């Protein structure tokens, strides 16, 4: 269904019957907002860590290796490739 619900179950008091009542509350918007906040925080943390790597050294190859490893970790992949694009093309 692509929806999130809080569900509350409670006994319905009727002598001789074994019944329960259920209340459903649609919390899809809250769940989506929470996920968006989490993703935003993860991106912000990645940007800070990347900025730390980029500013840590003047060794271009070393910075590229560290930035590549950090990006791969952030994206959850085992390979990241870089390419150079000549200016003006």
PDB file of N, CA and C in Angstrom:
ATOM      1  N   UNK A   1       0.803  -1.193   0.000  1.00  0.00           N
ATOM      2  CA  UNK A   1       0.000   0.000   0.000  1.00  0.00           C
ATOM      3  C   UNK A   1       0.852   1.266   0.000  1.00  0.00           C
ATOM      4  N   UNK A   2       2.103   1.151   0.418  1.00  0.00           N
ATOM      5  CA  UNK A   2       2.952   2.325   0.454  1.00  0.00           C
ATOM      6  C   UNK A   2       2.555   3.318   1.541  1.00  0.00           C
ATOM      7  N   UNK A   3       1.925   2.850   2.585  1.00  0.00           N
ATOM      8  CA  UNK A   3       1.455   3.710   3.668  1.00  0.00           C
ATOM      9  C   UNK A   3       1.970   3.173   5.001  1.00  0.00           C
ATOM     10  N   UNK A   4       2.073   4.050   5.982  1.00  0.00           N
ATOM     11  CA  UNK A   4       2.460   3.677   7.346  1.00  0.00           C
ATOM     12  C   UNK A   4       1.284   3.972   8.276  1.00  0.00           C
ATOM     13  N   UNK A   5       1.054   3.055   9.233  1.00  0.00           N
ATOM     14  CA  UNK A   5      -0.032   3.232  10.182  1.00  0.00           C
ATOM     15  C   UNK A   5       0.450   2.937  11.595  1.00  0.00           C
ATOM     16  N   UNK A   6      -0.035   3.725  12.562  1.00  0.00           N
ATOM     17  CA  UNK A   6       0.034   3.355  13.970  1.00  0.00           C
ATOM     18  C   UNK A   6      -1.243   2.579  14.244  1.00  0.00           C
ATOM     19  N   UNK A   7      -1.109   1.452  14.916  1.00  0.00           N
ATOM     20  CA  UNK A   7      -2.276   0.622  15.192  1.00  0.00           C
ATOM     21  C   UNK A   7      -2.390   0.431  16.703  1.00  0.00           C
ATOM     22  N   UNK A   8      -3.590   0.622  17.215  1.00  0.00           N
ATOM     23  CA  UNK A   8      -3.879   0.422  18.632  1.00  0.00           C
ATOM     24  C   UNK A   8      -4.992  -0.612  18.741  1.00  0.00           C
ATOM     25  N   UNK A   9      -4.723  -1.696  19.464  1.00  0.00           N
ATOM     26  CA  UNK A   9      -5.719  -2.753  19.665  1.00  0.00           C
ATOM     27  C   UNK A   9      -6.197  -2.699  21.115  1.00  0.00           C
ATOM     28  N   UNK A  10      -7.491  -2.903  21.308  1.00  0.00           N
ATOM     29  CA  UNK A  10      -8.063  -2.840  22.652  1.00  0.00           C
ATOM     30  C   UNK A  10      -9.235  -3.815  22.743  1.00  0.00           C
ATOM     31  N   UNK A  11      -9.487  -4.323  23.945  1.00  0.00           N
ATOM     32  CA  UNK A  11     -10.620  -5.248  24.102  1.00  0.00           C
ATOM     33  C   UNK A  11     -11.936  -4.475  24.063  1.00  0.00           C
ATOM     34  N   UNK A  12     -12.937  -5.104  23.441  1.00  0.00           N
ATOM     35  CA  UNK A  12     -14.290  -4.554  23.430  1.00  0.00           C
ATOM     36  C   UNK A  12     -15.068  -5.317  24.496  1.00  0.00           C
ATOM     37  N   UNK A  13     -15.534  -4.598  25.479  1.00  0.00           N
ATOM     38  CA  UNK A  13     -16.190  -5.223  26.626  1.00  0.00           C
ATOM     39  C   UNK A  13     -17.654  -5.564  26.316  1.00  0.00           C
ATOM     40  N   UNK A  14     -17.864  -6.770  25.895  1.00  0.00           N
ATOM     41  CA  UNK A  14     -19.220  -7.290  25.750  1.00  0.00           C
ATOM     42  C   UNK A  14     -19.216  -8.676  26.383  1.00  0.00           C
ATOM     43  N   UNK A  15     -20.046  -8.882  27.371  1.00  0.00           N
ATOM     44  CA  UNK A  15     -20.061 -10.186  28.058  1.00  0.00           C
ATOM     45  C   UNK A  15     -20.254 -11.348  27.083  1.00  0.00           C
ATOM     46  N   UNK A  16     -19.397 -12.342  27.236  1.00  0.00           N
ATOM     47  CA  UNK A  16     -19.522 -13.548  26.442  1.00  0.00           C
ATOM     48  C   UNK A  16     -18.874 -13.479  25.062  1.00  0.00           C
ATOM     49  N   UNK A  17     -18.454 -12.309  24.621  1.00  0.00           N
ATOM     50  CA  UNK A  17     -17.825 -12.182  23.302  1.00  0.00           C
ATOM     51  C   UNK A  17     -16.340 -11.862  23.470  1.00  0.00           C
ATOM     52  N   UNK A  18     -15.576 -12.468  22.658  1.00  0.00           N
ATOM     53  CA  UNK A  18     -14.143 -12.186  22.678  1.00  0.00           C
ATOM     54  C   UNK A  18     -13.817 -11.345  21.446  1.00  0.00           C
ATOM     55  N   UNK A  19     -13.930 -10.035  21.609  1.00  0.00           N
ATOM     56  CA  UNK A  19     -13.710  -9.121  20.495  1.00  0.00           C
ATOM     57  C   UNK A  19     -12.661  -8.098  20.868  1.00  0.00           C
ATOM     58  N   UNK A  20     -12.040  -7.611  19.830  1.00  0.00           N
ATOM     59  CA  UNK A  20     -11.111  -6.504  20.017  1.00  0.00           C
ATOM     60  C   UNK A  20     -11.469  -5.403  19.024  1.00  0.00           C
ATOM     61  N   UNK A  21     -11.117  -4.221  19.391  1.00  0.00           N
ATOM     62  CA  UNK A  21     -11.269  -3.094  18.479  1.00  0.00           C
ATOM     63  C   UNK A  21      -9.898  -2.658  18.001  1.00  0.00           C
ATOM     64  N   UNK A  22      -9.822  -2.107  16.816  1.00  0.00           N
ATOM     65  CA  UNK A  22      -8.562  -1.629  16.253  1.00  0.00           C
ATOM     66  C   UNK A  22      -8.730  -0.190  15.793  1.00  0.00           C
ATOM     67  N   UNK A  23      -7.775   0.629  16.152  1.00  0.00           N
ATOM     68  CA  UNK A  23      -7.732   1.998  15.658  1.00  0.00           C
ATOM     69  C   UNK A  23      -6.499   2.138  14.783  1.00  0.00           C
ATOM     70  N   UNK A  24      -6.675   2.650  13.600  1.00  0.00           N
ATOM     71  CA  UNK A  24      -5.581   2.875  12.669  1.00  0.00           C
ATOM     72  C   UNK A  24      -5.411   4.377  12.491  1.00  0.00           C
ATOM     73  N   UNK A  25      -4.166   4.837  12.539  1.00  0.00           N
ATOM     74  CA  UNK A  25      -3.885   6.243  12.268  1.00  0.00           C
ATOM     75  C   UNK A  25      -2.805   6.295  11.188  1.00  0.00           C
ATOM     76  N   UNK A  26      -3.103   6.971  10.108  1.00  0.00           N
ATOM     77  CA  UNK A  26      -2.164   7.098   8.994  1.00  0.00           C
ATOM     78  C   UNK A  26      -1.039   8.045   9.406  1.00  0.00           C
ATOM     79  N   UNK A  27       0.186   7.521   9.464  1.00  0.00           N
ATOM     80  CA  UNK A  27       1.355   8.327   9.851  1.00  0.00           C
ATOM     81  C   UNK A  27       2.368   8.398   8.703  1.00  0.00           C
ATOM     82  N   UNK A  28       1.873   8.202   7.494  1.00  0.00           N
ATOM     83  CA  UNK A  28       2.744   8.177   6.320  1.00  0.00           C
ATOM     84  C   UNK A  28       3.520   9.480   6.175  1.00  0.00           C
ATOM     85  N   UNK A  29       2.851  10.616   6.322  1.00  0.00           N
ATOM     86  CA  UNK A  29       3.536  11.907   6.177  1.00  0.00           C
ATOM     87  C   UNK A  29       4.662  12.044   7.195  1.00  0.00           C
ATOM     88  N   UNK A  30       4.385  11.659   8.446  1.00  0.00           N
ATOM     89  CA  UNK A  30       5.421  11.746   9.486  1.00  0.00           C
ATOM     90  C   UNK A  30       6.612  10.861   9.138  1.00  0.00           C
ATOM     91  N   UNK A  31       6.353   9.645   8.683  1.00  0.00           N
ATOM     92  CA  UNK A  31       7.430   8.717   8.322  1.00  0.00           C
ATOM     93  C   UNK A  31       8.256   9.271   7.163  1.00  0.00           C
ATOM     94  N   UNK A  32       7.587   9.851   6.170  1.00  0.00           N
ATOM     95  CA  UNK A  32       8.310  10.430   5.036  1.00  0.00           C
ATOM     96  C   UNK A  32       9.143  11.625   5.480  1.00  0.00           C
ATOM     97  N   UNK A  33       8.581  12.461   6.354  1.00  0.00           N
ATOM     98  CA  UNK A  33       9.328  13.610   6.874  1.00  0.00           C
ATOM     99  C   UNK A  33      10.548  13.155   7.665  1.00  0.00           C
ATOM    100  N   UNK A  34      10.379  12.114   8.487  1.00  0.00           N
ATOM    101  CA  UNK A  34      11.506  11.577   9.257  1.00  0.00           C
ATOM    102  C   UNK A  34      12.590  11.048   8.331  1.00  0.00           C
ATOM    103  N   UNK A  35      12.192  10.336   7.286  1.00  0.00           N
ATOM    104  CA  UNK A  35      13.162   9.799   6.333  1.00  0.00           C
ATOM    105  C   UNK A  35      13.896  10.920   5.613  1.00  0.00           C
ATOM    106  N   UNK A  36      13.173  11.990   5.253  1.00  0.00           N
ATOM    107  CA  UNK A  36      13.806  13.127   4.577  1.00  0.00           C
ATOM    108  C   UNK A  36      14.791  13.821   5.500  1.00  0.00           C
ATOM    109  N   UNK A  37      14.447  13.976   6.770  1.00  0.00           N
ATOM    110  CA  UNK A  37      15.363  14.591   7.731  1.00  0.00           C
ATOM    111  C   UNK A  37      16.613  13.744   7.928  1.00  0.00           C
ATOM    112  N   UNK A  38      16.422  12.441   8.018  1.00  0.00           N
ATOM    113  CA  UNK A  38      17.567  11.533   8.177  1.00  0.00           C
ATOM    114  C   UNK A  38      18.481  11.607   6.962  1.00  0.00           C
ATOM    115  N   UNK A  39      17.898  11.577   5.770  1.00  0.00           N
ATOM    116  CA  UNK A  39      18.708  11.658   4.545  1.00  0.00           C
ATOM    117  C   UNK A  39      19.451  12.983   4.477  1.00  0.00           C
ATOM    118  N   UNK A  40      18.802  14.069   4.867  1.00  0.00           N
ATOM    119  CA  UNK A  40      19.442  15.384   4.868  1.00  0.00           C
ATOM    120  C   UNK A  40      20.617  15.411   5.849  1.00  0.00           C
ATOM    121  N   UNK A  41      20.419  14.842   7.023  1.00  0.00           N
ATOM    122  CA  UNK A  41      21.491  14.796   8.023  1.00  0.00           C
ATOM    123  C   UNK A  41      22.662  13.948   7.534  1.00  0.00           C
ATOM    124  N   UNK A  42      22.353  12.838   6.869  1.00  0.00           N
ATOM    125  CA  UNK A  42      23.427  11.979   6.338  1.00  0.00           C
ATOM    126  C   UNK A  42      24.208  12.707   5.247  1.00  0.00           C
ATOM    127  N   UNK A  43      23.514  13.457   4.387  1.00  0.00           N
ATOM    128  CA  UNK A  43      24.208  14.229   3.345  1.00  0.00           C
ATOM    129  C   UNK A  43      25.079  15.319   3.965  1.00  0.00           C
ATOM    130  N   UNK A  44      24.567  15.977   4.988  1.00  0.00           N
ATOM    131  CA  UNK A  44      25.340  17.034   5.662  1.00  0.00           C
ATOM    132  C   UNK A  44      26.582  16.444   6.311  1.00  0.00           C
ATOM    133  N   UNK A  45      26.445  15.283   6.961  1.00  0.00           N
ATOM    134  CA  UNK A  45      27.600  14.625   7.578  1.00  0.00           C
ATOM    135  C   UNK A  45      28.624  14.244   6.515  1.00  0.00           C
ATOM    136  N   UNK A  46      28.157  13.736   5.379  1.00  0.00           N
ATOM    137  CA  UNK A  46      29.064  13.376   4.296  1.00  0.00           C
ATOM    138  C   UNK A  46      29.809  14.610   3.787  1.00  0.00           C
ATOM    139  N   UNK A  47      29.104  15.720   3.602  1.00  0.00           N
ATOM    140  CA  UNK A  47      29.749  16.946   3.105  1.00  0.00           C
ATOM    141  C   UNK A  47      30.823  17.439   4.072  1.00  0.00           C
ATOM    142  N   UNK A  48      30.566  17.341   5.365  1.00  0.00           N
ATOM    143  CA  UNK A  48      31.569  17.753   6.359  1.00  0.00           C
ATOM    144  C   UNK A  48      32.786  16.841   6.277  1.00  0.00           C
ATOM    145  N   UNK A  49      32.551  15.541   6.225  1.00  0.00           N
ATOM    146  CA  UNK A  49      33.678  14.594   6.149  1.00  0.00           C
ATOM    147  C   UNK A  49      34.464  14.791   4.857  1.00  0.00           C
ATOM    148  N   UNK A  50      33.758  15.028   3.748  1.00  0.00           N
ATOM    149  CA  UNK A  50      34.437  15.258   2.475  1.00  0.00           C
ATOM    150  C   UNK A  50      35.252  16.546   2.518  1.00  0.00           C
ATOM    151  N   UNK A  51      34.694  17.596   3.084  1.00  0.00           N
ATOM    152  CA  UNK A  51      35.426  18.863   3.207  1.00  0.00           C
ATOM    153  C   UNK A  51      36.684  18.672   4.041  1.00  0.00           C
ATOM    154  N   UNK A  52      36.599  17.877   5.105  1.00  0.00           N
ATOM    155  CA  UNK A  52      37.779  17.593   5.930  1.00  0.00           C
ATOM    156  C   UNK A  52      38.858  16.890   5.115  1.00  0.00           C
ATOM    157  N   UNK A  53      38.454  15.930   4.290  1.00  0.00           N
ATOM    158  CA  UNK A  53      39.413  15.201   3.438  1.00  0.00           C
ATOM    159  C   UNK A  53      40.042  16.138   2.421  1.00  0.00           C
ATOM    160  N   UNK A  54      39.224  16.975   1.785  1.00  0.00           N
ATOM    161  CA  UNK A  54      39.729  17.854   0.734  1.00  0.00           C
ATOM    162  C   UNK A  54      40.683  18.918   1.273  1.00  0.00           C
ATOM    163  N   UNK A  55      40.471  19.333   2.503  1.00  0.00           N
ATOM    164  CA  UNK A  55      41.301  20.382   3.065  1.00  0.00           C
ATOM    165  C   UNK A  55      42.529  19.823   3.785  1.00  0.00           C
ATOM    166  N   UNK A  56      42.602  18.513   3.987  1.00  0.00           N
ATOM    167  CA  UNK A  56      43.646  17.905   4.812  1.00  0.00           C
ATOM    168  C   UNK A  56      45.009  17.834   4.145  1.00  0.00           C
ATOM    169  N   UNK A  57      45.075  17.895   2.831  1.00  0.00           N
ATOM    170  CA  UNK A  57      46.349  17.638   2.171  1.00  0.00           C
ATOM    171  C   UNK A  57      46.429  18.381   0.844  1.00  0.00           C
ATOM    172  N   UNK A  58      47.669  18.626   0.434  1.00  0.00           N
ATOM    173  CA  UNK A  58      47.907  19.204  -0.888  1.00  0.00           C
ATOM    174  C   UNK A  58      48.236  18.118  -1.912  1.00  0.00           C
ATOM    175  N   UNK A  59      48.312  16.872  -1.452  1.00  0.00           N
ATOM    176  CA  UNK A  59      48.611  15.732  -2.321  1.00  0.00           C
ATOM    177  C   UNK A  59      47.345  15.364  -3.099  1.00  0.00           C
ATOM    178  N   UNK A  60      47.297  15.755  -4.376  1.00  0.00           N
ATOM    179  CA  UNK A  60      46.100  15.558  -5.188  1.00  0.00           C
ATOM    180  C   UNK A  60      45.719  14.088  -5.269  1.00  0.00           C
ATOM    181  N   UNK A  61      46.673  13.216  -5.515  1.00  0.00           N
ATOM    182  CA  UNK A  61      46.366  11.790  -5.621  1.00  0.00           C
ATOM    183  C   UNK A  61      45.851  11.228  -4.305  1.00  0.00           C
ATOM    184  N   UNK A  62      46.462  11.638  -3.210  1.00  0.00           N
ATOM    185  CA  UNK A  62      46.017  11.169  -1.895  1.00  0.00           C
ATOM    186  C   UNK A  62      44.612  11.647  -1.576  1.00  0.00           C
ATOM    187  N   UNK A  63      44.330  12.907  -1.877  1.00  0.00           N
ATOM    188  CA  UNK A  63      42.992  13.456  -1.646  1.00  0.00           C
ATOM    189  C   UNK A  63      41.980  12.715  -2.504  1.00  0.00           C
ATOM    190  N   UNK A  64      42.350  12.450  -3.751  1.00  0.00           N
ATOM    191  CA  UNK A  64      41.433  11.739  -4.647  1.00  0.00           C
ATOM    192  C   UNK A  64      41.144  10.337  -4.123  1.00  0.00           C
ATOM    193  N   UNK A  65      42.176   9.635  -3.641  1.00  0.00           N
ATOM    194  CA  UNK A  65      41.973   8.286  -3.095  1.00  0.00           C
ATOM    195  C   UNK A  65      41.044   8.326  -1.878  1.00  0.00           C
ATOM    196  N   UNK A  66      41.311   9.258  -0.967  1.00  0.00           N
ATOM    197  CA  UNK A  66      40.490   9.345   0.241  1.00  0.00           C
ATOM    198  C   UNK A  66      39.056   9.775  -0.085  1.00  0.00           C
ATOM    199  N   UNK A  67      38.907  10.728  -0.985  1.00  0.00           N
ATOM    200  CA  UNK A  67      37.570  11.187  -1.375  1.00  0.00           C
ATOM    201  C   UNK A  67      36.807  10.065  -2.073  1.00  0.00           C
ATOM    202  N   UNK A  68      37.502   9.286  -2.890  1.00  0.00           N
ATOM    203  CA  UNK A  68      36.878   8.157  -3.581  1.00  0.00           C
ATOM    204  C   UNK A  68      36.391   7.124  -2.578  1.00  0.00           C
ATOM    205  N   UNK A  69      37.217   6.792  -1.598  1.00  0.00           N
ATOM    206  CA  UNK A  69      36.830   5.812  -0.575  1.00  0.00           C
ATOM    207  C   UNK A  69      35.639   6.327   0.234  1.00  0.00           C
ATOM    208  N   UNK A  70      35.663   7.604   0.574  1.00  0.00           N
ATOM    209  CA  UNK A  70      34.567   8.197   1.336  1.00  0.00           C
ATOM    210  C   UNK A  70      33.265   8.192   0.538  1.00  0.00           C
ATOM    211  N   UNK A  71      33.349   8.531  -0.737  1.00  0.00           N
ATOM    212  CA  UNK A  71      32.164   8.536  -1.597  1.00  0.00           C
ATOM    213  C   UNK A  71      31.600   7.126  -1.771  1.00  0.00           C
ATOM    214  N   UNK A  72      32.491   6.153  -1.967  1.00  0.00           N
ATOM    215  CA  UNK A  72      32.040   4.761  -2.101  1.00  0.00           C
ATOM    216  C   UNK A  72      31.315   4.314  -0.840  1.00  0.00           C
ATOM    217  N   UNK A  73      31.859   4.659   0.309  1.00  0.00           N
ATOM    218  CA  UNK A  73      31.219   4.300   1.577  1.00  0.00           C
ATOM    219  C   UNK A  73      29.857   4.981   1.688  1.00  0.00           C
ATOM    220  N   UNK A  74      29.795   6.250   1.368  1.00  0.00           N
ATOM    221  CA  UNK A  74      28.544   7.002   1.470  1.00  0.00           C
ATOM    222  C   UNK A  74      27.463   6.438   0.538  1.00  0.00           C
ATOM    223  N   UNK A  75      27.851   6.068  -0.661  1.00  0.00           N
ATOM    224  CA  UNK A  75      26.898   5.543  -1.636  1.00  0.00           C
ATOM    225  C   UNK A  75      26.603   4.060  -1.451  1.00  0.00           C
ATOM    226  N   UNK A  76      27.431   3.381  -0.636  1.00  0.00           N
ATOM    227  CA  UNK A  76      27.232   1.956  -0.427  1.00  0.00           C
ATOM    228  C   UNK A  76      27.615   1.126  -1.640  1.00  0.00           C
ATOM    229  N   UNK A  77      28.665   1.558  -2.344  1.00  0.00           N
ATOM    230  CA  UNK A  77      29.138   0.841  -3.530  1.00  0.00           C
ATOM    231  C   UNK A  77      30.579   0.422  -3.315  1.00  0.00           C
ATOM    232  N   UNK A  78      31.054  -0.519  -4.133  1.00  0.00           N
ATOM    233  CA  UNK A  78      32.435  -0.963  -3.965  1.00  0.00           C
ATOM    234  C   UNK A  78      33.389  -0.346  -4.985  1.00  0.00           C
ATOM    235  N   UNK A  79      32.855   0.468  -5.910  1.00  0.00           N
ATOM    236  CA  UNK A  79      33.724   1.118  -6.896  1.00  0.00           C
ATOM    237  C   UNK A  79      33.220   2.520  -7.193  1.00  0.00           C
ATOM    238  N   UNK A  80      34.155   3.443  -7.254  1.00  0.00           N
ATOM    239  CA  UNK A  80      33.875   4.812  -7.681  1.00  0.00           C
ATOM    240  C   UNK A  80      34.978   5.178  -8.653  1.00  0.00           C
ATOM    241  N   UNK A  81      34.621   5.791  -9.772  1.00  0.00           N
ATOM    242  CA  UNK A  81      35.629   6.157 -10.766  1.00  0.00           C
ATOM    243  C   UNK A  81      35.592   7.667 -10.983  1.00  0.00           C
ATOM    244  N   UNK A  82      36.750   8.218 -11.250  1.00  0.00           N
ATOM    245  CA  UNK A  82      36.901   9.639 -11.549  1.00  0.00           C
ATOM    246  C   UNK A  82      37.326   9.773 -12.997  1.00  0.00           C
ATOM    247  N   UNK A  83      36.975  10.862 -13.582  1.00  0.00           N
ATOM    248  CA  UNK A  83      37.439  11.159 -14.935  1.00  0.00           C
ATOM    249  C   UNK A  83      37.764  12.642 -15.042  1.00  0.00           C
ATOM    250  N   UNK A  84      38.701  12.962 -15.886  1.00  0.00           N
ATOM    251  CA  UNK A  84      39.063  14.362 -16.129  1.00  0.00           C
ATOM    252  C   UNK A  84      38.382  14.853 -17.400  1.00  0.00           C
ATOM    253  N   UNK A  85      37.845  16.045 -17.336  1.00  0.00           N
ATOM    254  CA  UNK A  85      37.244  16.681 -18.490  1.00  0.00           C
ATOM    255  C   UNK A  85      38.074  17.916 -18.796  1.00  0.00           C
ATOM    256  N   UNK A  86      38.697  17.947 -19.950  1.00  0.00           N
ATOM    257  CA  UNK A  86      39.508  19.107 -20.301  1.00  0.00           C
ATOM    258  C   UNK A  86      38.661  20.369 -20.341  1.00  0.00           C
ATOM    259  N   UNK A  87      39.234  21.463 -19.932  1.00  0.00           N
ATOM    260  CA  UNK A  87      38.520  22.745 -19.913  1.00  0.00           C
ATOM    261  C   UNK A  87      38.090  23.116 -21.327  1.00  0.00           C
ATOM    262  N   UNK A  88      36.911  23.689 -21.434  1.00  0.00           N
ATOM    263  CA  UNK A  88      36.412  24.163 -22.711  1.00  0.00           C
ATOM    264  C   UNK A  88      35.740  23.093 -23.556  1.00  0.00           C
ATOM    265  N   UNK A  89      35.597  21.914 -23.042  1.00  0.00           N
ATOM    266  CA  UNK A  89      34.939  20.857 -23.829  1.00  0.00           C
ATOM    267  C   UNK A  89      33.618  20.479 -23.231  1.00  0.00           C
TER     268      UNK A  89
END
